[in-house]
């Protein structure tokens, strides 16, 4: 199953460059490093994909430099490219959440944060901002709803409607999406 942004949004963004400048991306990477909030460097890796090779080299392995032409060809330059990468990861993210794979979901949320930051979607970024060392409630499904909404995707088609709350003092509690979201 492929999830894509709504057609009108996709068309509006197809030739629009990413709203962040190279200097802003570099500054954001340095900010993440200083704050030590990107534990596995996953958000940073998404941001690196938007940089020209010369600016990205300082974070790449010197012993295995990428081909300049290949780097440029795969570099994120437009809003549509960033949205496309995010949409491509959404289906797998929901599979992981449905399988209750906390770490996998936490890591893919870092990719989504990178995408949303590049696009200047501050509300979407804030909706999935995760406090370090805080477990994801319902294995990240609430955050994935926010991601799907930002991408214009129907999350109901991806959700198994079994939202599990792990409790240390009792058996896991399984509720529906409507119950978990209070709707």
C-alpha atoms as a PDB file:
ATOM      1  CA  UNK A   1       0.000   0.000   0.000  1.00  0.00           C
ATOM      2  CA  UNK A   2       1.341   3.415  -0.923  1.00  0.00           C
ATOM      3  CA  UNK A   3       0.429   6.517   1.035  1.00  0.00           C
ATOM      4  CA  UNK A   4       0.782   9.839  -0.715  1.00  0.00           C
ATOM      5  CA  UNK A   5      -0.032  13.405   0.267  1.00  0.00           C
ATOM      6  CA  UNK A   6      -3.359  14.710  -0.972  1.00  0.00           C
ATOM      7  CA  UNK A   7      -3.180  15.568  -4.662  1.00  0.00           C
ATOM      8  CA  UNK A   8      -3.703  19.316  -4.274  1.00  0.00           C
ATOM      9  CA  UNK A   9      -0.949  19.532  -1.655  1.00  0.00           C
ATOM     10  CA  UNK A  10       1.358  17.376  -3.755  1.00  0.00           C
ATOM     11  CA  UNK A  11       0.825  19.556  -6.816  1.00  0.00           C
ATOM     12  CA  UNK A  12       1.373  22.754  -4.844  1.00  0.00           C
ATOM     13  CA  UNK A  13       4.674  21.466  -3.476  1.00  0.00           C
ATOM     14  CA  UNK A  14       6.057  19.709  -6.553  1.00  0.00           C
ATOM     15  CA  UNK A  15       8.428  22.437  -7.631  1.00  0.00           C
ATOM     16  CA  UNK A  16       8.811  24.208  -4.311  1.00  0.00           C
ATOM     17  CA  UNK A  17      12.274  24.014  -2.827  1.00  0.00           C
ATOM     18  CA  UNK A  18      12.750  22.985   0.782  1.00  0.00           C
ATOM     19  CA  UNK A  19      12.220  26.160   2.839  1.00  0.00           C
ATOM     20  CA  UNK A  20      15.370  25.621   4.918  1.00  0.00           C
ATOM     21  CA  UNK A  21      18.698  26.972   3.714  1.00  0.00           C
ATOM     22  CA  UNK A  22      21.962  25.045   3.820  1.00  0.00           C
ATOM     23  CA  UNK A  23      23.120  27.247   6.705  1.00  0.00           C
ATOM     24  CA  UNK A  24      19.918  26.534   8.633  1.00  0.00           C
ATOM     25  CA  UNK A  25      20.296  22.778   8.105  1.00  0.00           C
ATOM     26  CA  UNK A  26      23.912  22.847   9.300  1.00  0.00           C
ATOM     27  CA  UNK A  27      22.891  24.928  12.327  1.00  0.00           C
ATOM     28  CA  UNK A  28      20.095  22.469  13.148  1.00  0.00           C
ATOM     29  CA  UNK A  29      22.496  19.506  12.961  1.00  0.00           C
ATOM     30  CA  UNK A  30      24.895  21.289  15.314  1.00  0.00           C
ATOM     31  CA  UNK A  31      21.983  22.084  17.638  1.00  0.00           C
ATOM     32  CA  UNK A  32      20.969  18.409  17.734  1.00  0.00           C
ATOM     33  CA  UNK A  33      24.543  17.392  18.492  1.00  0.00           C
ATOM     34  CA  UNK A  34      24.898  19.941  21.292  1.00  0.00           C
ATOM     35  CA  UNK A  35      21.582  19.001  22.873  1.00  0.00           C
ATOM     36  CA  UNK A  36      22.306  15.279  22.527  1.00  0.00           C
ATOM     37  CA  UNK A  37      18.628  14.662  21.760  1.00  0.00           C
ATOM     38  CA  UNK A  38      19.154  12.665  18.570  1.00  0.00           C
ATOM     39  CA  UNK A  39      20.400   9.499  20.264  1.00  0.00           C
ATOM     40  CA  UNK A  40      21.080   7.437  17.160  1.00  0.00           C
ATOM     41  CA  UNK A  41      21.725  10.302  14.728  1.00  0.00           C
ATOM     42  CA  UNK A  42      18.577   9.431  12.808  1.00  0.00           C
ATOM     43  CA  UNK A  43      17.081  12.906  12.601  1.00  0.00           C
ATOM     44  CA  UNK A  44      20.521  14.195  11.629  1.00  0.00           C
ATOM     45  CA  UNK A  45      20.800  11.612   8.838  1.00  0.00           C
ATOM     46  CA  UNK A  46      17.554  12.871   7.316  1.00  0.00           C
ATOM     47  CA  UNK A  47      18.822  16.459   7.514  1.00  0.00           C
ATOM     48  CA  UNK A  48      22.118  15.451   5.892  1.00  0.00           C
ATOM     49  CA  UNK A  49      20.167  14.232   2.868  1.00  0.00           C
ATOM     50  CA  UNK A  50      19.232  17.855   2.145  1.00  0.00           C
ATOM     51  CA  UNK A  51      22.795  19.189   2.186  1.00  0.00           C
ATOM     52  CA  UNK A  52      25.140  19.507  -0.769  1.00  0.00           C
ATOM     53  CA  UNK A  53      27.966  16.978  -0.457  1.00  0.00           C
ATOM     54  CA  UNK A  54      30.618  19.558   0.458  1.00  0.00           C
ATOM     55  CA  UNK A  55      28.620  20.694   3.502  1.00  0.00           C
ATOM     56  CA  UNK A  56      27.683  17.121   4.495  1.00  0.00           C
ATOM     57  CA  UNK A  57      31.209  15.679   4.327  1.00  0.00           C
ATOM     58  CA  UNK A  58      32.101  16.639   7.896  1.00  0.00           C
ATOM     59  CA  UNK A  59      29.483  14.152   9.146  1.00  0.00           C
ATOM     60  CA  UNK A  60      30.229  11.363   6.658  1.00  0.00           C
ATOM     61  CA  UNK A  61      32.793   8.593   6.990  1.00  0.00           C
ATOM     62  CA  UNK A  62      35.985   9.792   5.321  1.00  0.00           C
ATOM     63  CA  UNK A  63      37.063   6.224   4.540  1.00  0.00           C
ATOM     64  CA  UNK A  64      33.988   5.614   2.384  1.00  0.00           C
ATOM     65  CA  UNK A  65      33.142   8.865   0.576  1.00  0.00           C
ATOM     66  CA  UNK A  66      29.967   8.895  -1.515  1.00  0.00           C
ATOM     67  CA  UNK A  67      30.024   9.484  -5.234  1.00  0.00           C
ATOM     68  CA  UNK A  68      29.341  13.193  -5.822  1.00  0.00           C
ATOM     69  CA  UNK A  69      26.957  12.613  -8.739  1.00  0.00           C
ATOM     70  CA  UNK A  70      24.985   9.955  -6.858  1.00  0.00           C
ATOM     71  CA  UNK A  71      24.784  12.163  -3.764  1.00  0.00           C
ATOM     72  CA  UNK A  72      23.458  15.099  -5.770  1.00  0.00           C
ATOM     73  CA  UNK A  73      20.954  12.921  -7.624  1.00  0.00           C
ATOM     74  CA  UNK A  74      19.474  11.546  -4.386  1.00  0.00           C
ATOM     75  CA  UNK A  75      19.669  14.770  -2.365  1.00  0.00           C
ATOM     76  CA  UNK A  76      16.417  16.168  -0.976  1.00  0.00           C
ATOM     77  CA  UNK A  77      15.824  19.470  -2.764  1.00  0.00           C
ATOM     78  CA  UNK A  78      12.055  19.897  -3.002  1.00  0.00           C
ATOM     79  CA  UNK A  79       9.116  19.681  -0.658  1.00  0.00           C
ATOM     80  CA  UNK A  80       7.722  16.869  -2.787  1.00  0.00           C
ATOM     81  CA  UNK A  81      10.869  14.784  -2.348  1.00  0.00           C
ATOM     82  CA  UNK A  82      10.780  15.179   1.421  1.00  0.00           C
ATOM     83  CA  UNK A  83       7.066  14.372   1.577  1.00  0.00           C
ATOM     84  CA  UNK A  84       7.664  11.363  -0.668  1.00  0.00           C
ATOM     85  CA  UNK A  85      10.333   9.972   1.674  1.00  0.00           C
ATOM     86  CA  UNK A  86       8.073  10.473   4.667  1.00  0.00           C
ATOM     87  CA  UNK A  87       5.064   8.906   2.955  1.00  0.00           C
ATOM     88  CA  UNK A  88       7.158   5.907   1.903  1.00  0.00           C
ATOM     89  CA  UNK A  89       8.088   5.271   5.549  1.00  0.00           C
ATOM     90  CA  UNK A  90       4.596   5.723   6.954  1.00  0.00           C
ATOM     91  CA  UNK A  91       3.284   2.276   6.001  1.00  0.00           C
ATOM     92  CA  UNK A  92       6.238   0.495   7.618  1.00  0.00           C
ATOM     93  CA  UNK A  93       5.996   2.692  10.694  1.00  0.00           C
ATOM     94  CA  UNK A  94       2.386   1.617  11.199  1.00  0.00           C
ATOM     95  CA  UNK A  95       3.358  -2.040  10.715  1.00  0.00           C
ATOM     96  CA  UNK A  96       5.903  -1.655  13.501  1.00  0.00           C
ATOM     97  CA  UNK A  97       3.389   0.081  15.777  1.00  0.00           C
ATOM     98  CA  UNK A  98       0.823  -2.653  15.127  1.00  0.00           C
ATOM     99  CA  UNK A  99       3.495  -5.239  15.974  1.00  0.00           C
ATOM    100  CA  UNK A 100       4.329  -3.289  19.159  1.00  0.00           C
ATOM    101  CA  UNK A 101       7.933  -2.608  18.185  1.00  0.00           C
ATOM    102  CA  UNK A 102       8.667   0.419  20.337  1.00  0.00           C
ATOM    103  CA  UNK A 103      12.285   1.039  19.313  1.00  0.00           C
ATOM    104  CA  UNK A 104      11.533   0.748  15.594  1.00  0.00           C
ATOM    105  CA  UNK A 105       8.707   3.266  15.875  1.00  0.00           C
ATOM    106  CA  UNK A 106      10.828   5.625  17.982  1.00  0.00           C
ATOM    107  CA  UNK A 107      13.562   5.564  15.341  1.00  0.00           C
ATOM    108  CA  UNK A 108      11.232   6.204  12.408  1.00  0.00           C
ATOM    109  CA  UNK A 109       9.654   9.098  14.311  1.00  0.00           C
ATOM    110  CA  UNK A 110      13.112  10.694  14.293  1.00  0.00           C
ATOM    111  CA  UNK A 111      13.092  10.465  10.493  1.00  0.00           C
ATOM    112  CA  UNK A 112       9.668  12.128  10.424  1.00  0.00           C
ATOM    113  CA  UNK A 113      10.921  14.895  12.735  1.00  0.00           C
ATOM    114  CA  UNK A 114      13.752  15.545  10.282  1.00  0.00           C
ATOM    115  CA  UNK A 115      11.310  15.714   7.381  1.00  0.00           C
ATOM    116  CA  UNK A 116       8.926  18.034   9.183  1.00  0.00           C
ATOM    117  CA  UNK A 117      11.738  20.308  10.305  1.00  0.00           C
ATOM    118  CA  UNK A 118      13.066  20.544   6.732  1.00  0.00           C
ATOM    119  CA  UNK A 119       9.587  21.476   5.530  1.00  0.00           C
ATOM    120  CA  UNK A 120       9.040  24.060   8.251  1.00  0.00           C
ATOM    121  CA  UNK A 121       6.006  22.154   9.538  1.00  0.00           C
ATOM    122  CA  UNK A 122       6.499  23.234  13.124  1.00  0.00           C
ATOM    123  CA  UNK A 123       3.089  22.032  14.342  1.00  0.00           C
ATOM    124  CA  UNK A 124       3.648  18.567  12.871  1.00  0.00           C
ATOM    125  CA  UNK A 125       7.160  18.500  14.351  1.00  0.00           C
ATOM    126  CA  UNK A 126       5.846  19.460  17.791  1.00  0.00           C
ATOM    127  CA  UNK A 127       3.116  16.810  17.606  1.00  0.00           C
ATOM    128  CA  UNK A 128       5.716  14.054  17.391  1.00  0.00           C
ATOM    129  CA  UNK A 129       8.413  15.600  19.554  1.00  0.00           C
ATOM    130  CA  UNK A 130       9.360  12.971  22.059  1.00  0.00           C
ATOM    131  CA  UNK A 131      10.946  13.514  25.418  1.00  0.00           C
ATOM    132  CA  UNK A 132      14.049  11.394  25.779  1.00  0.00           C
ATOM    133  CA  UNK A 133      13.660   8.375  28.037  1.00  0.00           C
ATOM    134  CA  UNK A 134       9.883   8.702  27.960  1.00  0.00           C
ATOM    135  CA  UNK A 135       8.192   5.601  26.567  1.00  0.00           C
ATOM    136  CA  UNK A 136       5.925   6.028  23.595  1.00  0.00           C
ATOM    137  CA  UNK A 137       2.332   5.662  24.661  1.00  0.00           C
ATOM    138  CA  UNK A 138       0.468   3.034  22.644  1.00  0.00           C
ATOM    139  CA  UNK A 139       3.701   2.166  20.826  1.00  0.00           C
ATOM    140  CA  UNK A 140       3.743   5.529  19.049  1.00  0.00           C
ATOM    141  CA  UNK A 141       0.343   5.288  17.431  1.00  0.00           C
ATOM    142  CA  UNK A 142      -0.749   8.726  18.648  1.00  0.00           C
ATOM    143  CA  UNK A 143       2.366  10.239  17.041  1.00  0.00           C
ATOM    144  CA  UNK A 144       1.781   8.254  13.841  1.00  0.00           C
ATOM    145  CA  UNK A 145      -1.748   9.670  13.660  1.00  0.00           C
ATOM    146  CA  UNK A 146      -0.157  13.149  13.713  1.00  0.00           C
ATOM    147  CA  UNK A 147       2.312  12.113  10.983  1.00  0.00           C
ATOM    148  CA  UNK A 148      -0.419  10.661   8.785  1.00  0.00           C
ATOM    149  CA  UNK A 149      -2.560  13.758   9.282  1.00  0.00           C
ATOM    150  CA  UNK A 150       0.341  16.033   8.307  1.00  0.00           C
ATOM    151  CA  UNK A 151       0.908  13.922   5.182  1.00  0.00           C
ATOM    152  CA  UNK A 152      -2.792  13.870   4.292  1.00  0.00           C
ATOM    153  CA  UNK A 153      -2.969  10.081   4.676  1.00  0.00           C
ATOM    154  CA  UNK A 154      -5.817   8.030   6.122  1.00  0.00           C
ATOM    155  CA  UNK A 155      -4.253   6.379   9.165  1.00  0.00           C
ATOM    156  CA  UNK A 156      -7.362   4.258   9.788  1.00  0.00           C
ATOM    157  CA  UNK A 157      -6.381   2.082   6.817  1.00  0.00           C
ATOM    158  CA  UNK A 158      -3.022   1.325   8.446  1.00  0.00           C
ATOM    159  CA  UNK A 159      -4.092   0.853  12.060  1.00  0.00           C
ATOM    160  CA  UNK A 160      -5.113  -2.555  13.462  1.00  0.00           C
ATOM    161  CA  UNK A 161      -7.323  -0.733  16.020  1.00  0.00           C
ATOM    162  CA  UNK A 162      -5.573  -2.442  18.935  1.00  0.00           C
ATOM    163  CA  UNK A 163      -3.892   0.246  21.008  1.00  0.00           C
ATOM    164  CA  UNK A 164      -1.886  -1.393  23.762  1.00  0.00           C
ATOM    165  CA  UNK A 165      -0.895   0.352  26.957  1.00  0.00           C
ATOM    166  CA  UNK A 166       1.882  -1.484  28.751  1.00  0.00           C
ATOM    167  CA  UNK A 167       1.491  -1.323  32.511  1.00  0.00           C
ATOM    168  CA  UNK A 168       4.140  -2.518  34.924  1.00  0.00           C
ATOM    169  CA  UNK A 169       1.683  -3.427  37.648  1.00  0.00           C
ATOM    170  CA  UNK A 170      -0.911  -5.256  35.539  1.00  0.00           C
ATOM    171  CA  UNK A 171      -1.593  -6.994  32.265  1.00  0.00           C
ATOM    172  CA  UNK A 172      -1.352  -4.814  29.151  1.00  0.00           C
ATOM    173  CA  UNK A 173      -4.522  -2.882  28.438  1.00  0.00           C
ATOM    174  CA  UNK A 174      -5.823  -3.140  24.874  1.00  0.00           C
ATOM    175  CA  UNK A 175      -8.245  -0.448  23.706  1.00  0.00           C
ATOM    176  CA  UNK A 176      -9.537   0.779  20.364  1.00  0.00           C
ATOM    177  CA  UNK A 177      -8.196   3.874  18.644  1.00  0.00           C
ATOM    178  CA  UNK A 178     -11.375   5.765  19.544  1.00  0.00           C
ATOM    179  CA  UNK A 179     -10.977   4.857  23.214  1.00  0.00           C
ATOM    180  CA  UNK A 180      -7.289   5.761  23.257  1.00  0.00           C
ATOM    181  CA  UNK A 181      -7.861   9.100  21.576  1.00  0.00           C
ATOM    182  CA  UNK A 182     -10.954   9.930  23.609  1.00  0.00           C
ATOM    183  CA  UNK A 183     -13.276  10.161  20.632  1.00  0.00           C
END
